[in-house]
Amino acid sequence: MPSTTSHVWARPVAIDGTSAIPTPHPGSNTKETADSMKGFVDDIGRLTKGNADFRRVLYTSHHLQLVLMTLPPGGEIGSEVHKDRDQFFRVEAGDGEITIDGTTHRVTADFAMIVPAGARHNVRSVGSTPLKLYTLYGPPNHLDGVVRATKADADAEPEHFDGKTTE
């Protein structure tokens, strides 16, 4: 399956094709001016479980980035170090392992993991079903809106955050 790259969304789109940012309810305290930010509001569990892509960047702000990931059984993100950014993971489905600086932990649905900047880490799917998780990078790590269907696609088309945010 060929990968798809989208650089900037004017408004994030959910996996099911609907808007990932609902319109504020009338009477809410949300300011609605031309320069107001919308942020990201959606059912992250549903989006994560519905994601089939290795990497799908959902939202990028100046200081954080939300990314969905799916690792097939036996798959992994690959050992890596982010010298200048922290990373948070949360598992929504499947069984996995995370190794942080040589210490390995088993993880499953509802587990959260934080990898501090500078720590070598890897996440692996060790179950019979895909490991479905989302991650927050602080600061952002990938181009906004990028989608890589497989790890091979991600390895073949490396990219890094260019300063452009979702909104």
N, C-alpha and C. Protein backbone atom coordinates (compact mmCIF):
# COMPACT_ATOMS: atom_id res chain seq x y z
N MET A 1 0.85 -1.17 0.00
CA MET A 1 0.00 0.00 0.00
C MET A 1 0.89 1.23 0.00
N PRO A 2 0.77 2.14 -0.95
CA PRO A 2 1.61 3.33 -0.97
C PRO A 2 1.26 4.25 0.18
N SER A 3 2.28 4.97 0.65
CA SER A 3 2.02 5.91 1.74
C SER A 3 1.48 7.22 1.17
N THR A 4 0.86 7.97 2.05
CA THR A 4 0.28 9.26 1.67
C THR A 4 0.89 10.31 2.57
N THR A 5 1.27 11.44 2.01
CA THR A 5 1.79 12.51 2.82
C THR A 5 0.93 13.73 2.62
N SER A 6 0.47 14.29 3.72
CA SER A 6 -0.29 15.52 3.71
C SER A 6 0.45 16.46 4.64
N HIS A 7 0.78 17.66 4.19
CA HIS A 7 1.63 18.51 5.01
C HIS A 7 0.88 19.33 6.03
N VAL A 8 -0.19 20.00 5.68
CA VAL A 8 -0.91 20.82 6.64
C VAL A 8 -2.39 20.73 6.36
N TRP A 9 -3.16 20.43 7.38
CA TRP A 9 -4.61 20.43 7.26
C TRP A 9 -5.11 21.75 7.77
N ALA A 10 -6.07 22.34 7.07
CA ALA A 10 -6.69 23.55 7.59
C ALA A 10 -7.53 23.18 8.81
N ARG A 11 -8.10 22.00 8.80
CA ARG A 11 -8.91 21.49 9.90
C ARG A 11 -8.67 19.99 9.94
N PRO A 12 -8.15 19.43 11.05
CA PRO A 12 -7.89 17.99 11.11
C PRO A 12 -9.12 17.16 10.78
N VAL A 13 -8.89 16.04 10.14
CA VAL A 13 -9.97 15.14 9.75
C VAL A 13 -9.77 13.81 10.45
N ALA A 14 -10.84 13.29 11.02
CA ALA A 14 -10.79 12.01 11.72
C ALA A 14 -10.64 10.88 10.70
N ILE A 15 -10.26 9.72 11.19
CA ILE A 15 -10.07 8.56 10.34
C ILE A 15 -11.33 8.22 9.56
N ASP A 16 -12.50 8.43 10.18
CA ASP A 16 -13.76 8.10 9.51
C ASP A 16 -14.19 9.19 8.53
N GLY A 17 -13.35 10.21 8.31
CA GLY A 17 -13.64 11.24 7.34
C GLY A 17 -14.39 12.44 7.89
N THR A 18 -14.86 12.35 9.13
CA THR A 18 -15.57 13.47 9.73
C THR A 18 -14.56 14.44 10.32
N SER A 19 -15.01 15.61 10.67
CA SER A 19 -14.12 16.59 11.27
C SER A 19 -13.63 16.08 12.61
N ALA A 20 -12.34 16.22 12.86
CA ALA A 20 -11.77 15.81 14.14
C ALA A 20 -11.98 16.89 15.19
N ILE A 21 -12.49 18.03 14.78
CA ILE A 21 -12.73 19.12 15.72
C ILE A 21 -14.18 19.54 15.62
N PRO A 22 -15.03 19.12 16.55
CA PRO A 22 -16.43 19.51 16.50
C PRO A 22 -16.60 21.02 16.64
N THR A 23 -17.66 21.52 16.06
CA THR A 23 -18.00 22.93 16.21
C THR A 23 -18.44 23.17 17.64
N PRO A 24 -17.96 24.25 18.28
CA PRO A 24 -18.36 24.51 19.67
C PRO A 24 -19.87 24.66 19.79
N HIS A 25 -20.41 24.24 20.92
CA HIS A 25 -21.84 24.38 21.17
C HIS A 25 -22.18 25.85 21.35
N PRO A 26 -23.34 26.29 20.85
CA PRO A 26 -23.76 27.67 21.07
C PRO A 26 -23.80 27.96 22.56
N GLY A 27 -23.33 29.12 22.93
CA GLY A 27 -23.34 29.51 24.34
C GLY A 27 -22.12 29.05 25.10
N SER A 28 -21.19 28.33 24.45
CA SER A 28 -19.99 27.91 25.16
C SER A 28 -19.08 29.11 25.37
N ASN A 29 -18.09 28.94 26.21
CA ASN A 29 -17.17 30.03 26.50
C ASN A 29 -16.04 30.11 25.48
N THR A 30 -16.18 29.44 24.36
CA THR A 30 -15.16 29.44 23.33
C THR A 30 -15.20 30.74 22.55
N LYS A 31 -14.05 31.41 22.46
CA LYS A 31 -14.03 32.62 21.64
C LYS A 31 -14.05 32.21 20.18
N GLU A 32 -14.81 32.88 19.39
CA GLU A 32 -14.92 32.55 17.98
C GLU A 32 -14.60 33.79 17.16
N THR A 33 -13.29 34.02 16.99
CA THR A 33 -12.83 35.13 16.17
C THR A 33 -11.96 34.55 15.06
N ALA A 34 -11.60 35.38 14.13
CA ALA A 34 -10.80 34.93 12.99
C ALA A 34 -9.46 34.35 13.44
N ASP A 35 -8.92 34.80 14.56
CA ASP A 35 -7.61 34.32 15.00
C ASP A 35 -7.69 33.27 16.11
N SER A 36 -8.89 32.79 16.42
CA SER A 36 -9.00 31.81 17.51
C SER A 36 -8.53 30.43 17.05
N MET A 37 -7.95 29.71 17.98
CA MET A 37 -7.48 28.35 17.73
C MET A 37 -8.60 27.37 18.06
N LYS A 38 -8.67 26.29 17.33
CA LYS A 38 -9.71 25.28 17.56
C LYS A 38 -9.22 24.16 18.47
N GLY A 39 -7.92 23.87 18.43
CA GLY A 39 -7.40 22.76 19.22
C GLY A 39 -7.84 21.42 18.65
N PHE A 40 -7.73 20.39 19.45
CA PHE A 40 -8.13 19.05 19.04
C PHE A 40 -9.04 18.47 20.10
N VAL A 41 -10.24 18.04 19.69
CA VAL A 41 -11.20 17.43 20.60
C VAL A 41 -11.84 16.26 19.88
N ASP A 42 -11.64 15.04 20.37
CA ASP A 42 -12.27 13.87 19.77
C ASP A 42 -12.08 12.67 20.70
N ASP A 43 -12.70 11.58 20.38
CA ASP A 43 -12.61 10.34 21.14
C ASP A 43 -11.32 9.64 20.72
N ILE A 44 -10.25 9.86 21.48
CA ILE A 44 -8.93 9.35 21.11
C ILE A 44 -8.89 7.82 21.13
N GLY A 45 -9.65 7.19 22.02
CA GLY A 45 -9.71 5.72 22.03
C GLY A 45 -10.29 5.18 20.73
N ARG A 46 -11.39 5.77 20.28
CA ARG A 46 -12.02 5.33 19.03
C ARG A 46 -11.09 5.55 17.84
N LEU A 47 -10.46 6.70 17.80
CA LEU A 47 -9.55 7.01 16.69
C LEU A 47 -8.36 6.06 16.68
N THR A 48 -7.80 5.81 17.86
CA THR A 48 -6.63 4.93 17.97
C THR A 48 -6.98 3.50 17.57
N LYS A 49 -8.08 2.99 18.09
CA LYS A 49 -8.49 1.62 17.75
C LYS A 49 -8.87 1.49 16.29
N GLY A 50 -9.35 2.55 15.66
CA GLY A 50 -9.73 2.52 14.25
C GLY A 50 -8.58 2.76 13.29
N ASN A 51 -7.43 3.13 13.81
CA ASN A 51 -6.27 3.41 12.96
C ASN A 51 -5.57 2.12 12.53
N ALA A 52 -5.26 2.01 11.24
CA ALA A 52 -4.52 0.86 10.73
C ALA A 52 -3.12 1.25 10.29
N ASP A 53 -2.78 2.53 10.32
CA ASP A 53 -1.49 3.01 9.83
C ASP A 53 -0.41 2.92 10.89
N PHE A 54 0.81 2.68 10.44
CA PHE A 54 1.96 2.68 11.34
C PHE A 54 2.07 4.03 12.04
N ARG A 55 1.93 5.12 11.28
CA ARG A 55 2.01 6.47 11.86
C ARG A 55 0.99 7.37 11.18
N ARG A 56 0.21 8.07 11.99
CA ARG A 56 -0.77 9.04 11.49
C ARG A 56 -0.74 10.24 12.42
N VAL A 57 -0.19 11.36 11.92
CA VAL A 57 -0.12 12.59 12.73
C VAL A 57 -1.49 13.26 12.68
N LEU A 58 -2.14 13.37 13.84
CA LEU A 58 -3.48 13.96 13.91
C LEU A 58 -3.47 15.45 14.15
N TYR A 59 -2.57 15.91 15.01
CA TYR A 59 -2.60 17.33 15.37
C TYR A 59 -1.22 17.76 15.82
N THR A 60 -0.83 18.96 15.38
CA THR A 60 0.46 19.51 15.74
C THR A 60 0.29 20.94 16.22
N SER A 61 0.76 21.22 17.43
CA SER A 61 0.81 22.60 17.93
C SER A 61 2.28 22.98 18.03
N HIS A 62 2.56 24.14 18.57
CA HIS A 62 3.95 24.58 18.66
C HIS A 62 4.76 23.74 19.65
N HIS A 63 4.10 23.18 20.67
CA HIS A 63 4.83 22.48 21.72
C HIS A 63 4.49 21.00 21.88
N LEU A 64 3.39 20.54 21.27
CA LEU A 64 2.98 19.13 21.36
C LEU A 64 2.51 18.62 20.00
N GLN A 65 2.59 17.30 19.84
CA GLN A 65 2.10 16.66 18.62
C GLN A 65 1.44 15.34 18.99
N LEU A 66 0.24 15.10 18.45
CA LEU A 66 -0.53 13.89 18.69
C LEU A 66 -0.42 12.97 17.48
N VAL A 67 0.02 11.73 17.72
CA VAL A 67 0.26 10.77 16.64
C VAL A 67 -0.36 9.43 17.01
N LEU A 68 -1.13 8.84 16.08
CA LEU A 68 -1.65 7.48 16.25
C LEU A 68 -0.64 6.51 15.66
N MET A 69 -0.53 5.32 16.28
CA MET A 69 0.37 4.29 15.76
C MET A 69 -0.29 2.92 15.89
N THR A 70 -0.03 2.08 14.89
CA THR A 70 -0.42 0.68 14.94
C THR A 70 0.79 -0.17 14.56
N LEU A 71 1.12 -1.12 15.44
CA LEU A 71 2.22 -2.04 15.18
C LEU A 71 1.62 -3.43 14.99
N PRO A 72 1.87 -4.07 13.85
CA PRO A 72 1.33 -5.42 13.64
C PRO A 72 2.00 -6.40 14.59
N PRO A 73 1.42 -7.58 14.79
CA PRO A 73 2.08 -8.58 15.64
C PRO A 73 3.53 -8.78 15.20
N GLY A 74 4.45 -8.68 16.14
CA GLY A 74 5.87 -8.81 15.84
C GLY A 74 6.54 -7.51 15.38
N GLY A 75 5.74 -6.46 15.14
CA GLY A 75 6.28 -5.19 14.66
C GLY A 75 6.84 -4.35 15.79
N GLU A 76 7.60 -3.33 15.42
CA GLU A 76 8.21 -2.43 16.39
C GLU A 76 8.42 -1.06 15.78
N ILE A 77 8.62 -0.06 16.65
CA ILE A 77 8.92 1.27 16.12
C ILE A 77 10.39 1.36 15.74
N GLY A 78 11.22 0.54 16.35
CA GLY A 78 12.65 0.58 16.11
C GLY A 78 13.34 1.39 17.19
N SER A 79 14.49 0.94 17.60
CA SER A 79 15.23 1.61 18.67
C SER A 79 15.60 3.02 18.22
N GLU A 80 15.31 4.00 19.09
CA GLU A 80 15.57 5.39 18.74
C GLU A 80 15.82 6.22 19.99
N VAL A 81 16.40 7.39 19.77
CA VAL A 81 16.65 8.37 20.83
C VAL A 81 16.20 9.72 20.31
N HIS A 82 15.40 10.43 21.08
CA HIS A 82 15.04 11.82 20.78
C HIS A 82 15.78 12.67 21.81
N LYS A 83 16.88 13.27 21.39
CA LYS A 83 17.73 14.01 22.32
C LYS A 83 17.06 15.25 22.91
N ASP A 84 16.12 15.83 22.15
CA ASP A 84 15.57 17.12 22.57
C ASP A 84 14.06 17.12 22.78
N ARG A 85 13.46 15.94 22.94
CA ARG A 85 12.02 15.90 23.14
C ARG A 85 11.61 14.71 23.99
N ASP A 86 10.58 14.93 24.80
CA ASP A 86 9.98 13.87 25.60
C ASP A 86 8.88 13.21 24.77
N GLN A 87 8.51 11.99 25.15
CA GLN A 87 7.46 11.27 24.44
C GLN A 87 6.59 10.51 25.43
N PHE A 88 5.29 10.66 25.27
CA PHE A 88 4.28 9.96 26.07
C PHE A 88 3.59 8.96 25.15
N PHE A 89 3.37 7.73 25.60
CA PHE A 89 2.62 6.71 24.87
C PHE A 89 1.45 6.26 25.74
N ARG A 90 0.34 5.90 25.10
CA ARG A 90 -0.76 5.23 25.79
C ARG A 90 -1.26 4.11 24.89
N VAL A 91 -1.35 2.91 25.45
CA VAL A 91 -1.83 1.74 24.71
C VAL A 91 -3.35 1.68 24.82
N GLU A 92 -4.01 1.53 23.69
CA GLU A 92 -5.47 1.37 23.66
C GLU A 92 -5.88 -0.08 23.43
N ALA A 93 -5.06 -0.85 22.71
CA ALA A 93 -5.40 -2.26 22.43
C ALA A 93 -4.12 -3.02 22.10
N GLY A 94 -4.14 -4.32 22.41
CA GLY A 94 -3.02 -5.19 22.08
C GLY A 94 -2.06 -5.37 23.25
N ASP A 95 -1.04 -6.18 23.00
CA ASP A 95 -0.01 -6.47 24.00
C ASP A 95 1.34 -6.08 23.43
N GLY A 96 2.16 -5.46 24.26
CA GLY A 96 3.45 -5.01 23.79
C GLY A 96 4.50 -4.99 24.86
N GLU A 97 5.66 -4.51 24.47
CA GLU A 97 6.77 -4.28 25.37
C GLU A 97 7.37 -2.93 25.02
N ILE A 98 7.81 -2.23 26.03
CA ILE A 98 8.59 -1.01 25.83
C ILE A 98 9.91 -1.20 26.55
N THR A 99 10.98 -0.85 25.86
CA THR A 99 12.31 -0.86 26.45
C THR A 99 12.78 0.58 26.52
N ILE A 100 13.15 1.02 27.73
CA ILE A 100 13.67 2.36 27.94
C ILE A 100 15.04 2.22 28.59
N ASP A 101 16.07 2.63 27.86
CA ASP A 101 17.46 2.53 28.34
C ASP A 101 17.76 1.16 28.93
N GLY A 102 17.38 0.11 28.22
CA GLY A 102 17.74 -1.25 28.60
C GLY A 102 16.79 -1.96 29.54
N THR A 103 15.78 -1.27 30.07
CA THR A 103 14.80 -1.90 30.95
C THR A 103 13.51 -2.12 30.18
N THR A 104 13.04 -3.38 30.15
CA THR A 104 11.87 -3.75 29.37
C THR A 104 10.67 -3.97 30.29
N HIS A 105 9.52 -3.44 29.85
CA HIS A 105 8.26 -3.58 30.58
C HIS A 105 7.20 -4.12 29.63
N ARG A 106 6.36 -5.05 30.12
CA ARG A 106 5.19 -5.50 29.37
C ARG A 106 4.11 -4.43 29.49
N VAL A 107 3.39 -4.18 28.40
CA VAL A 107 2.31 -3.19 28.41
C VAL A 107 1.10 -3.75 27.67
N THR A 108 -0.07 -3.28 28.07
CA THR A 108 -1.32 -3.69 27.45
C THR A 108 -2.28 -2.51 27.52
N ALA A 109 -3.51 -2.71 27.10
CA ALA A 109 -4.50 -1.62 27.09
C ALA A 109 -4.51 -0.86 28.41
N ASP A 110 -4.60 0.45 28.31
CA ASP A 110 -4.66 1.39 29.43
C ASP A 110 -3.31 1.70 30.06
N PHE A 111 -2.21 1.12 29.55
CA PHE A 111 -0.90 1.45 30.08
C PHE A 111 -0.42 2.75 29.46
N ALA A 112 0.25 3.57 30.27
CA ALA A 112 0.88 4.79 29.80
C ALA A 112 2.38 4.69 30.07
N MET A 113 3.15 5.26 29.17
CA MET A 113 4.60 5.24 29.29
C MET A 113 5.13 6.62 28.94
N ILE A 114 6.14 7.08 29.66
CA ILE A 114 6.81 8.34 29.34
C ILE A 114 8.28 8.04 29.12
N VAL A 115 8.77 8.52 27.98
CA VAL A 115 10.18 8.37 27.64
C VAL A 115 10.81 9.76 27.71
N PRO A 116 11.73 9.98 28.65
CA PRO A 116 12.35 11.30 28.74
C PRO A 116 13.34 11.52 27.59
N ALA A 117 13.53 12.79 27.25
CA ALA A 117 14.49 13.14 26.20
C ALA A 117 15.84 12.50 26.51
N GLY A 118 16.47 11.95 25.47
CA GLY A 118 17.78 11.34 25.62
C GLY A 118 17.79 9.86 25.93
N ALA A 119 16.62 9.27 26.22
CA ALA A 119 16.56 7.84 26.55
C ALA A 119 16.38 7.02 25.27
N ARG A 120 17.20 5.99 25.12
CA ARG A 120 17.01 5.06 24.00
C ARG A 120 15.78 4.22 24.31
N HIS A 121 14.91 4.07 23.32
CA HIS A 121 13.66 3.33 23.56
C HIS A 121 13.18 2.61 22.31
N ASN A 122 12.32 1.63 22.53
CA ASN A 122 11.68 0.88 21.46
C ASN A 122 10.37 0.34 22.00
N VAL A 123 9.36 0.28 21.14
CA VAL A 123 8.07 -0.32 21.47
C VAL A 123 7.85 -1.46 20.49
N ARG A 124 7.46 -2.62 21.00
CA ARG A 124 7.23 -3.81 20.19
C ARG A 124 5.84 -4.39 20.45
N SER A 125 5.23 -4.90 19.41
CA SER A 125 3.97 -5.63 19.54
C SER A 125 4.32 -7.10 19.76
N VAL A 126 3.86 -7.67 20.88
CA VAL A 126 4.24 -9.05 21.21
C VAL A 126 3.03 -9.99 21.24
N GLY A 127 1.85 -9.49 20.95
CA GLY A 127 0.65 -10.31 20.98
C GLY A 127 0.27 -10.82 19.60
N SER A 128 -0.90 -11.44 19.53
CA SER A 128 -1.40 -11.99 18.26
C SER A 128 -2.27 -10.99 17.50
N THR A 129 -2.52 -9.82 18.10
CA THR A 129 -3.29 -8.77 17.44
C THR A 129 -2.43 -7.51 17.42
N PRO A 130 -2.75 -6.54 16.55
CA PRO A 130 -1.94 -5.32 16.48
C PRO A 130 -1.93 -4.55 17.80
N LEU A 131 -0.82 -3.90 18.07
CA LEU A 131 -0.69 -3.00 19.21
C LEU A 131 -1.13 -1.62 18.73
N LYS A 132 -2.18 -1.08 19.36
CA LYS A 132 -2.75 0.21 18.97
C LYS A 132 -2.43 1.20 20.08
N LEU A 133 -1.76 2.28 19.74
CA LEU A 133 -1.38 3.26 20.72
C LEU A 133 -1.36 4.65 20.12
N TYR A 134 -1.33 5.63 21.01
CA TYR A 134 -1.08 6.99 20.54
C TYR A 134 0.07 7.55 21.33
N THR A 135 0.71 8.55 20.76
CA THR A 135 1.86 9.16 21.39
C THR A 135 1.77 10.67 21.29
N LEU A 136 2.31 11.33 22.29
CA LEU A 136 2.45 12.78 22.30
C LEU A 136 3.94 13.09 22.33
N TYR A 137 4.40 13.88 21.38
CA TYR A 137 5.77 14.37 21.38
C TYR A 137 5.77 15.80 21.90
N GLY A 138 6.73 16.13 22.71
CA GLY A 138 6.88 17.50 23.16
C GLY A 138 8.35 17.89 23.13
N PRO A 139 8.75 18.71 22.17
CA PRO A 139 8.01 19.34 21.08
C PRO A 139 7.73 18.36 19.94
N PRO A 140 7.00 18.81 18.88
CA PRO A 140 6.66 17.94 17.76
C PRO A 140 7.90 17.29 17.11
N ASN A 141 7.67 16.14 16.49
CA ASN A 141 8.75 15.37 15.87
C ASN A 141 8.56 15.16 14.37
N HIS A 142 7.30 15.11 13.90
CA HIS A 142 7.02 14.78 12.50
C HIS A 142 6.32 15.93 11.79
N LEU A 143 6.31 15.87 10.46
CA LEU A 143 5.56 16.84 9.68
C LEU A 143 4.08 16.72 10.04
N ASP A 144 3.40 17.84 10.13
CA ASP A 144 1.98 17.83 10.44
C ASP A 144 1.20 17.11 9.34
N GLY A 145 0.26 16.25 9.76
CA GLY A 145 -0.62 15.57 8.81
C GLY A 145 -0.02 14.38 8.10
N VAL A 146 1.23 14.04 8.39
CA VAL A 146 1.87 12.94 7.67
C VAL A 146 1.23 11.61 8.05
N VAL A 147 1.11 10.73 7.04
CA VAL A 147 0.59 9.38 7.24
C VAL A 147 1.57 8.41 6.59
N ARG A 148 1.97 7.40 7.34
CA ARG A 148 2.82 6.32 6.82
C ARG A 148 2.10 5.01 7.13
N ALA A 149 1.72 4.30 6.10
CA ALA A 149 0.94 3.08 6.27
C ALA A 149 1.72 1.99 6.98
N THR A 150 3.01 1.91 6.71
CA THR A 150 3.84 0.85 7.29
C THR A 150 5.16 1.43 7.82
N LYS A 151 5.85 0.65 8.62
CA LYS A 151 7.17 1.07 9.09
C LYS A 151 8.12 1.19 7.90
N ALA A 152 7.99 0.29 6.93
CA ALA A 152 8.83 0.37 5.74
C ALA A 152 8.62 1.70 5.01
N ASP A 153 7.37 2.15 4.93
CA ASP A 153 7.09 3.46 4.33
C ASP A 153 7.76 4.57 5.13
N ALA A 154 7.65 4.50 6.45
CA ALA A 154 8.24 5.52 7.31
C ALA A 154 9.76 5.54 7.16
N ASP A 155 10.38 4.36 7.10
CA ASP A 155 11.83 4.27 6.94
C ASP A 155 12.27 4.77 5.56
N ALA A 156 11.44 4.52 4.54
CA ALA A 156 11.78 4.93 3.17
C ALA A 156 11.61 6.43 2.94
N GLU A 157 10.74 7.06 3.73
CA GLU A 157 10.46 8.49 3.56
C GLU A 157 10.61 9.21 4.89
N PRO A 158 11.83 9.30 5.42
CA PRO A 158 12.00 9.98 6.71
C PRO A 158 11.66 11.47 6.59
N GLU A 159 11.10 11.99 7.63
CA GLU A 159 10.74 13.41 7.67
C GLU A 159 10.79 13.87 9.11
N HIS A 160 10.93 15.17 9.28
CA HIS A 160 10.97 15.76 10.63
C HIS A 160 10.18 17.04 10.64
N PHE A 161 9.72 17.41 11.81
CA PHE A 161 8.91 18.60 12.00
C PHE A 161 9.62 19.82 11.38
N ASP A 162 8.84 20.58 10.60
CA ASP A 162 9.37 21.74 9.89
C ASP A 162 8.89 23.07 10.46
N GLY A 163 8.21 23.04 11.61
CA GLY A 163 7.72 24.27 12.23
C GLY A 163 6.29 24.62 11.86
N LYS A 164 5.70 23.91 10.88
CA LYS A 164 4.32 24.19 10.47
C LYS A 164 3.36 23.40 11.34
N THR A 165 2.38 24.09 11.91
CA THR A 165 1.42 23.49 12.80
C THR A 165 0.08 23.26 12.09
N THR A 166 -0.81 22.54 12.75
CA THR A 166 -2.13 22.25 12.19
C THR A 166 -2.92 23.51 11.93
N GLU A 167 -2.84 24.45 12.85
CA GLU A 167 -3.58 25.72 12.67
C GLU A 167 -2.75 26.88 13.16
